[in-house]
């Protein structure tokens, strides 16, 4: 079985047979578990979440096929300080309010007019 053979090669330090190219290359680094789940699927993310650092494991099935995976480092997530995100939060808030204001204005304008299309109208 080629998938298992590749894991054996990795474990012995040999270069495995490469599969189809992946859009981010052969290394997928610095991504939170949620992004891994979004890309590779929930079952794949569950397996990844249970792995320890520094050990090859596989084959693990994802939406893209089978993968041999090694976690090289795990970083705990952290909540950013408000000061570091306040400008982003403010911009998002203003954009959301602007979008809502535009929608309300358009609804008001539409309520003031009546549109009738002639049955003989052709493009």
N, C-alpha and C. Protein backbone atom coordinates (compact mmCIF):
# COMPACT_ATOMS: atom_id res chain seq x y z
N UNK A 1 0.85 -1.18 0.00
CA UNK A 1 0.00 0.00 0.00
C UNK A 1 0.90 1.24 0.00
N UNK A 2 0.80 2.04 -1.04
CA UNK A 2 1.69 3.18 -1.24
C UNK A 2 1.62 4.17 -0.08
N UNK A 3 0.40 4.44 0.44
CA UNK A 3 0.24 5.41 1.53
C UNK A 3 1.05 4.98 2.75
N UNK A 4 0.97 3.70 3.10
CA UNK A 4 1.69 3.20 4.27
C UNK A 4 3.19 3.15 3.98
N UNK A 5 3.57 2.83 2.74
CA UNK A 5 4.97 2.78 2.35
C UNK A 5 5.62 4.15 2.51
N UNK A 6 4.91 5.21 2.16
CA UNK A 6 5.45 6.56 2.32
C UNK A 6 5.70 6.88 3.78
N UNK A 7 4.81 6.47 4.66
CA UNK A 7 5.02 6.70 6.09
C UNK A 7 6.27 5.96 6.55
N UNK A 8 6.46 4.74 6.10
CA UNK A 8 7.66 3.97 6.46
C UNK A 8 8.92 4.68 5.99
N UNK A 9 8.88 5.24 4.78
CA UNK A 9 10.03 5.99 4.27
C UNK A 9 10.31 7.21 5.13
N UNK A 10 9.27 7.94 5.50
CA UNK A 10 9.45 9.12 6.35
C UNK A 10 10.06 8.74 7.69
N UNK A 11 9.55 7.67 8.28
CA UNK A 11 10.04 7.24 9.60
C UNK A 11 11.50 6.80 9.56
N UNK A 12 11.94 6.29 8.40
CA UNK A 12 13.33 5.84 8.28
C UNK A 12 14.25 6.92 7.71
N UNK A 13 13.70 8.14 7.51
CA UNK A 13 14.53 9.24 7.02
C UNK A 13 14.65 9.32 5.52
N UNK A 14 13.97 8.46 4.79
CA UNK A 14 14.01 8.49 3.33
C UNK A 14 13.01 9.51 2.79
N UNK A 15 13.18 9.86 1.53
CA UNK A 15 12.24 10.77 0.88
C UNK A 15 11.07 9.97 0.34
N UNK A 16 9.85 10.35 0.71
CA UNK A 16 8.68 9.60 0.22
C UNK A 16 8.35 9.95 -1.22
N UNK A 17 7.55 9.09 -1.84
CA UNK A 17 7.00 9.40 -3.16
C UNK A 17 6.04 10.57 -2.97
N UNK A 18 6.16 11.56 -3.81
CA UNK A 18 5.31 12.74 -3.66
C UNK A 18 3.99 12.52 -4.37
N UNK A 19 2.93 12.97 -3.76
CA UNK A 19 1.60 12.89 -4.36
C UNK A 19 1.36 14.09 -5.25
N UNK A 20 0.12 14.38 -5.46
CA UNK A 20 -0.23 15.55 -6.26
C UNK A 20 0.16 16.82 -5.52
N UNK A 21 0.55 17.86 -6.26
CA UNK A 21 0.93 19.11 -5.59
C UNK A 21 -0.23 19.71 -4.81
N UNK A 22 0.07 20.26 -3.66
CA UNK A 22 -0.93 20.92 -2.84
C UNK A 22 -0.73 22.42 -2.99
N UNK A 23 -1.80 23.19 -2.97
CA UNK A 23 -1.72 24.61 -3.28
C UNK A 23 -0.77 25.38 -2.37
N UNK A 24 -0.51 24.91 -1.16
CA UNK A 24 0.40 25.63 -0.28
C UNK A 24 1.75 24.92 -0.17
N UNK A 25 2.02 23.98 -1.08
CA UNK A 25 3.27 23.25 -1.02
C UNK A 25 3.16 22.06 -0.08
N UNK A 26 4.31 21.51 0.28
CA UNK A 26 4.32 20.32 1.13
C UNK A 26 4.32 20.66 2.61
N UNK A 27 4.43 21.93 2.94
CA UNK A 27 4.46 22.36 4.34
C UNK A 27 3.29 23.29 4.60
N UNK A 28 2.60 23.03 5.66
CA UNK A 28 1.42 23.82 6.04
C UNK A 28 1.67 24.28 7.46
N UNK A 29 2.08 25.54 7.64
CA UNK A 29 2.54 25.99 8.96
C UNK A 29 1.74 27.15 9.51
N UNK A 30 1.77 27.25 10.82
CA UNK A 30 1.24 28.40 11.57
C UNK A 30 -0.24 28.67 11.31
N UNK A 31 -1.02 27.62 11.33
CA UNK A 31 -2.46 27.79 11.12
C UNK A 31 -3.23 27.29 12.34
N UNK A 32 -4.24 28.05 12.75
CA UNK A 32 -5.06 27.58 13.87
C UNK A 32 -5.88 26.35 13.46
N UNK A 33 -6.27 25.59 14.45
CA UNK A 33 -7.01 24.35 14.19
C UNK A 33 -8.28 24.62 13.38
N UNK A 34 -8.96 25.72 13.63
CA UNK A 34 -10.19 26.03 12.89
C UNK A 34 -9.92 26.16 11.39
N UNK A 35 -8.80 26.78 11.03
CA UNK A 35 -8.47 26.91 9.61
C UNK A 35 -8.15 25.55 9.00
N UNK A 36 -7.45 24.71 9.76
CA UNK A 36 -7.16 23.36 9.28
C UNK A 36 -8.47 22.60 9.05
N UNK A 37 -9.42 22.76 9.98
CA UNK A 37 -10.72 22.11 9.82
C UNK A 37 -11.45 22.65 8.60
N UNK A 38 -11.42 23.96 8.39
CA UNK A 38 -12.09 24.56 7.24
C UNK A 38 -11.53 24.04 5.92
N UNK A 39 -10.24 23.82 5.87
CA UNK A 39 -9.59 23.40 4.63
C UNK A 39 -9.64 21.88 4.44
N UNK A 40 -9.26 21.13 5.47
CA UNK A 40 -9.08 19.68 5.33
C UNK A 40 -10.27 18.86 5.82
N UNK A 41 -11.17 19.47 6.59
CA UNK A 41 -12.33 18.75 7.10
C UNK A 41 -12.23 18.45 8.58
N UNK A 42 -13.39 18.20 9.18
CA UNK A 42 -13.49 18.01 10.62
C UNK A 42 -12.78 16.79 11.15
N UNK A 43 -12.90 15.66 10.45
CA UNK A 43 -12.25 14.43 10.93
C UNK A 43 -10.73 14.57 10.90
N UNK A 44 -10.22 15.19 9.86
CA UNK A 44 -8.78 15.42 9.75
C UNK A 44 -8.32 16.30 10.91
N UNK A 45 -9.06 17.37 11.19
CA UNK A 45 -8.69 18.29 12.27
C UNK A 45 -8.70 17.59 13.63
N UNK A 46 -9.66 16.69 13.84
CA UNK A 46 -9.71 15.96 15.11
C UNK A 46 -8.44 15.13 15.32
N UNK A 47 -8.00 14.47 14.25
CA UNK A 47 -6.77 13.67 14.35
C UNK A 47 -5.58 14.58 14.63
N UNK A 48 -5.49 15.69 13.90
CA UNK A 48 -4.39 16.64 14.08
C UNK A 48 -4.37 17.17 15.50
N UNK A 49 -5.52 17.48 16.04
CA UNK A 49 -5.62 18.06 17.38
C UNK A 49 -5.10 17.10 18.45
N UNK A 50 -5.15 15.81 18.18
CA UNK A 50 -4.72 14.82 19.17
C UNK A 50 -3.24 14.45 19.04
N UNK A 51 -2.55 14.98 18.04
CA UNK A 51 -1.16 14.59 17.80
C UNK A 51 -0.19 15.29 18.74
N UNK A 52 0.91 14.61 19.01
CA UNK A 52 2.02 15.20 19.75
C UNK A 52 3.05 15.73 18.76
N UNK A 53 3.92 16.58 19.24
CA UNK A 53 4.97 17.15 18.38
C UNK A 53 6.03 16.11 18.03
N UNK A 54 6.62 16.30 16.83
CA UNK A 54 7.83 15.58 16.47
C UNK A 54 7.68 14.13 16.07
N UNK A 55 6.50 13.70 15.66
CA UNK A 55 6.29 12.30 15.29
C UNK A 55 5.44 12.23 14.03
N UNK A 56 5.93 11.48 13.03
CA UNK A 56 5.14 11.28 11.82
C UNK A 56 3.97 10.36 12.12
N UNK A 57 2.84 10.67 11.52
CA UNK A 57 1.67 9.79 11.61
C UNK A 57 0.95 9.85 10.27
N UNK A 58 0.32 8.75 9.90
CA UNK A 58 -0.42 8.73 8.66
C UNK A 58 -0.62 7.30 8.20
N UNK A 59 -1.30 7.12 7.14
CA UNK A 59 -1.99 8.15 6.36
C UNK A 59 -3.27 8.64 7.06
N UNK A 60 -3.49 9.95 6.97
CA UNK A 60 -4.70 10.57 7.51
C UNK A 60 -5.50 11.08 6.31
N UNK A 61 -6.77 10.70 6.23
CA UNK A 61 -7.60 11.10 5.10
C UNK A 61 -8.17 12.49 5.32
N UNK A 62 -8.16 13.28 4.25
CA UNK A 62 -8.81 14.60 4.25
C UNK A 62 -9.66 14.70 2.99
N UNK A 63 -10.23 15.85 2.78
CA UNK A 63 -11.02 16.10 1.58
C UNK A 63 -10.15 16.03 0.32
N UNK A 64 -8.82 16.12 0.48
CA UNK A 64 -7.90 16.13 -0.66
C UNK A 64 -7.22 14.80 -0.90
N UNK A 65 -7.43 13.83 -0.04
CA UNK A 65 -6.74 12.55 -0.17
C UNK A 65 -6.13 12.15 1.15
N UNK A 66 -4.98 11.48 1.08
CA UNK A 66 -4.31 10.98 2.27
C UNK A 66 -3.02 11.76 2.52
N UNK A 67 -2.70 11.95 3.79
CA UNK A 67 -1.54 12.75 4.17
C UNK A 67 -0.77 12.05 5.28
N UNK A 68 0.55 12.18 5.22
CA UNK A 68 1.42 11.84 6.34
C UNK A 68 1.77 13.16 7.00
N UNK A 69 1.62 13.23 8.30
CA UNK A 69 1.71 14.52 8.99
C UNK A 69 2.68 14.43 10.15
N UNK A 70 3.45 15.51 10.33
CA UNK A 70 4.25 15.68 11.55
C UNK A 70 3.99 17.09 12.07
N UNK A 71 3.62 17.17 13.34
CA UNK A 71 3.46 18.46 14.00
C UNK A 71 4.85 18.85 14.51
N UNK A 72 5.37 19.98 14.05
CA UNK A 72 6.70 20.40 14.48
C UNK A 72 6.67 21.29 15.70
N UNK A 73 5.58 22.03 15.88
CA UNK A 73 5.45 22.83 17.10
C UNK A 73 3.99 23.18 17.31
N UNK A 74 3.64 23.35 18.57
CA UNK A 74 2.28 23.72 18.95
C UNK A 74 2.36 25.00 19.77
N UNK A 75 1.60 25.99 19.36
CA UNK A 75 1.57 27.25 20.10
C UNK A 75 0.17 27.45 20.65
N UNK A 76 0.09 27.77 21.92
CA UNK A 76 -1.21 28.06 22.51
C UNK A 76 -1.74 29.38 21.96
N UNK A 77 -3.03 29.40 21.72
CA UNK A 77 -3.61 30.64 21.22
C UNK A 77 -3.66 31.66 22.34
N UNK A 78 -3.73 32.91 21.95
CA UNK A 78 -3.82 33.96 22.96
C UNK A 78 -4.84 34.99 22.50
N UNK A 79 -5.48 35.60 23.45
CA UNK A 79 -6.45 36.65 23.15
C UNK A 79 -5.68 37.96 23.04
N UNK A 80 -5.81 38.64 21.91
CA UNK A 80 -5.07 39.90 21.76
C UNK A 80 -5.62 40.97 22.69
N UNK A 81 -4.77 41.91 23.04
CA UNK A 81 -5.23 43.02 23.87
C UNK A 81 -6.18 43.89 23.06
N UNK A 82 -7.08 44.58 23.75
CA UNK A 82 -8.02 45.44 23.06
C UNK A 82 -7.29 46.53 22.28
N UNK A 83 -6.24 47.09 22.87
CA UNK A 83 -5.49 48.15 22.19
C UNK A 83 -4.93 47.68 20.85
N UNK A 84 -4.55 46.41 20.77
CA UNK A 84 -3.97 45.91 19.52
C UNK A 84 -5.01 45.67 18.42
N UNK A 85 -6.29 45.59 18.79
CA UNK A 85 -7.33 45.31 17.79
C UNK A 85 -8.39 46.40 17.69
N UNK A 86 -8.30 47.44 18.52
CA UNK A 86 -9.40 48.41 18.57
C UNK A 86 -9.64 49.11 17.23
N UNK A 87 -8.58 49.41 16.47
CA UNK A 87 -8.77 50.08 15.18
C UNK A 87 -9.48 49.16 14.18
N UNK A 88 -9.18 47.88 14.23
CA UNK A 88 -9.84 46.90 13.36
C UNK A 88 -11.31 46.77 13.75
N UNK A 89 -11.56 46.68 15.06
CA UNK A 89 -12.94 46.57 15.55
C UNK A 89 -13.74 47.81 15.16
N UNK A 90 -13.14 48.98 15.33
CA UNK A 90 -13.83 50.22 14.97
C UNK A 90 -14.14 50.27 13.48
N UNK A 91 -13.18 49.90 12.65
CA UNK A 91 -13.41 49.91 11.20
C UNK A 91 -14.52 48.94 10.82
N UNK A 92 -14.53 47.75 11.41
CA UNK A 92 -15.59 46.77 11.14
C UNK A 92 -16.95 47.30 11.59
N UNK A 93 -16.99 47.94 12.75
CA UNK A 93 -18.23 48.50 13.27
C UNK A 93 -18.75 49.60 12.35
N UNK A 94 -17.87 50.50 11.93
CA UNK A 94 -18.29 51.59 11.05
C UNK A 94 -18.76 51.06 9.70
N UNK A 95 -18.08 50.06 9.19
CA UNK A 95 -18.49 49.47 7.91
C UNK A 95 -19.86 48.82 8.03
N UNK A 96 -20.09 48.08 9.10
CA UNK A 96 -21.38 47.43 9.31
C UNK A 96 -22.49 48.46 9.43
N UNK A 97 -22.24 49.52 10.18
CA UNK A 97 -23.25 50.57 10.33
C UNK A 97 -23.49 51.30 9.02
N UNK A 98 -22.43 51.51 8.25
CA UNK A 98 -22.56 52.17 6.95
C UNK A 98 -23.41 51.31 6.01
N UNK A 99 -23.13 50.01 5.98
CA UNK A 99 -23.91 49.11 5.13
C UNK A 99 -25.39 49.14 5.53
N UNK A 100 -25.66 49.13 6.83
CA UNK A 100 -27.04 49.17 7.31
C UNK A 100 -27.70 50.49 6.93
N UNK A 101 -26.98 51.60 7.07
CA UNK A 101 -27.53 52.91 6.72
C UNK A 101 -27.87 52.97 5.24
N UNK A 102 -27.01 52.42 4.40
CA UNK A 102 -27.27 52.41 2.95
C UNK A 102 -28.50 51.57 2.64
N UNK A 103 -28.63 50.41 3.28
CA UNK A 103 -29.80 49.56 3.06
C UNK A 103 -31.08 50.29 3.46
N UNK A 104 -31.05 50.94 4.61
CA UNK A 104 -32.24 51.67 5.08
C UNK A 104 -32.58 52.81 4.14
N UNK A 105 -31.56 53.53 3.66
CA UNK A 105 -31.79 54.63 2.72
C UNK A 105 -32.39 54.11 1.42
N UNK A 106 -31.87 53.00 0.91
CA UNK A 106 -32.40 52.44 -0.34
C UNK A 106 -33.84 51.98 -0.17
N UNK A 107 -34.16 51.38 0.96
CA UNK A 107 -35.54 50.97 1.23
C UNK A 107 -36.46 52.18 1.28
N UNK A 108 -36.01 53.26 1.89
CA UNK A 108 -36.81 54.48 1.96
C UNK A 108 -37.06 55.04 0.56
N UNK A 109 -36.00 55.09 -0.25
CA UNK A 109 -36.14 55.60 -1.62
C UNK A 109 -37.10 54.72 -2.42
N UNK A 110 -36.95 53.40 -2.33
CA UNK A 110 -37.82 52.49 -3.07
C UNK A 110 -39.28 52.65 -2.66
N UNK A 111 -39.51 52.95 -1.39
CA UNK A 111 -40.89 53.09 -0.93
C UNK A 111 -41.55 54.37 -1.46
N UNK A 112 -40.75 55.32 -1.91
CA UNK A 112 -41.28 56.59 -2.40
C UNK A 112 -41.59 56.57 -3.89
N UNK A 113 -41.17 55.54 -4.60
CA UNK A 113 -41.36 55.49 -6.04
C UNK A 113 -42.09 54.22 -6.45
N UNK A 114 -42.75 54.33 -7.58
CA UNK A 114 -43.42 53.19 -8.17
C UNK A 114 -42.81 52.96 -9.55
N UNK A 115 -42.50 51.73 -9.86
CA UNK A 115 -41.89 51.42 -11.15
C UNK A 115 -42.88 50.59 -11.95
N UNK A 116 -43.11 51.02 -13.19
CA UNK A 116 -43.98 50.28 -14.09
C UNK A 116 -43.21 50.05 -15.39
N UNK A 117 -43.24 48.83 -15.88
CA UNK A 117 -42.53 48.50 -17.11
C UNK A 117 -43.58 48.21 -18.17
N UNK A 118 -43.44 48.90 -19.29
CA UNK A 118 -44.36 48.73 -20.39
C UNK A 118 -44.30 47.30 -20.92
N UNK A 119 -45.46 46.69 -21.21
CA UNK A 119 -45.46 45.33 -21.75
C UNK A 119 -44.78 45.26 -23.12
N UNK A 120 -44.63 46.39 -23.80
CA UNK A 120 -44.00 46.42 -25.13
C UNK A 120 -42.50 46.68 -25.05
N UNK A 121 -41.96 46.83 -23.85
CA UNK A 121 -40.55 47.15 -23.67
C UNK A 121 -39.69 45.97 -24.10
N UNK A 122 -38.64 46.27 -24.89
CA UNK A 122 -37.69 45.25 -25.32
C UNK A 122 -36.29 45.77 -25.09
N UNK A 123 -35.39 44.85 -24.75
CA UNK A 123 -33.98 45.23 -24.59
C UNK A 123 -33.28 45.27 -25.90
